[in-house]
C-alpha cells in the first residue's frame, strides 16, 4: 500500500460523503480523494472561512468537506456547469442538512465568478480546470480578501500528465506554464502537494 492509499484509508468518511462519492462515480466525473478533501477541510478551518466559493461541484464531495471546516454560519457558493453534476451536488447538500448554507449555481464557472463581488471570499476552490489555471487565479486575486487562499485540485491532470514532458497538448502545456510561472511569483505563497493528481495551494498575503 502506497502512502496516499494509506492516508485515504485513514480519513474516515461518513455515509453522506460516501453517498456523494457514489453519485460522482455514477456520473463518471472526478471527485477529490479523501486526503484531498481533508486538505480542503483543514484549510477552511485554519481560515475560519465564512465565505467560500468553489468552481466545480463534483457531486458535493468537496463541498461537504469544506462545510465541515468552515465557520458554523459560513456560506458556500458552489458553481457547476454540468446540470447532472449540479443536481447530484444539491442532493448531497440536502442529505447533509446543510442546504441553507449552500448557494448552488448551475453555470459556466468563469462566467459566474466574473460576476461575484470583489474581495468577498476567504477561500476559492477550483476543481479539474487543466489549462485554465491562470484565468482562475486572476479571478481569485479579485475575489479573495487579503490573506485568503485558492486551492486548485488535480492541477497535474489525469495520470499526472503535466509532469510527463512527453505530453504536449495545449491544455497540458498551458498548465505547465501556469505552474512554472507561479513557482517564481513573489506576490503569492504557493505550495504544490503530491496529493490526488496535484493539489495546489495559493495564498494571497495581506498587504
Foldseek 3Di string as FASTA:
>chain_A
DDPQVVVLVVQDDDPLLVVLQVLLVVVVHDDFGSVVLQVLLVQQQVLLWQEEEEQACSLQNSVVSNCNNHNVNHAYEYEAQDPSSLVSNCVSCVVVVNNVRYHYYHHHVLVVLVPDQFQPTQEYEYEPDQQCVVSVVVSCNGHHHAFGKYKYALLCPVVSVLVVVVDDDNSSVSSVVVVVVVVPDPQWDWDWDPGHNIMIMITGHHD
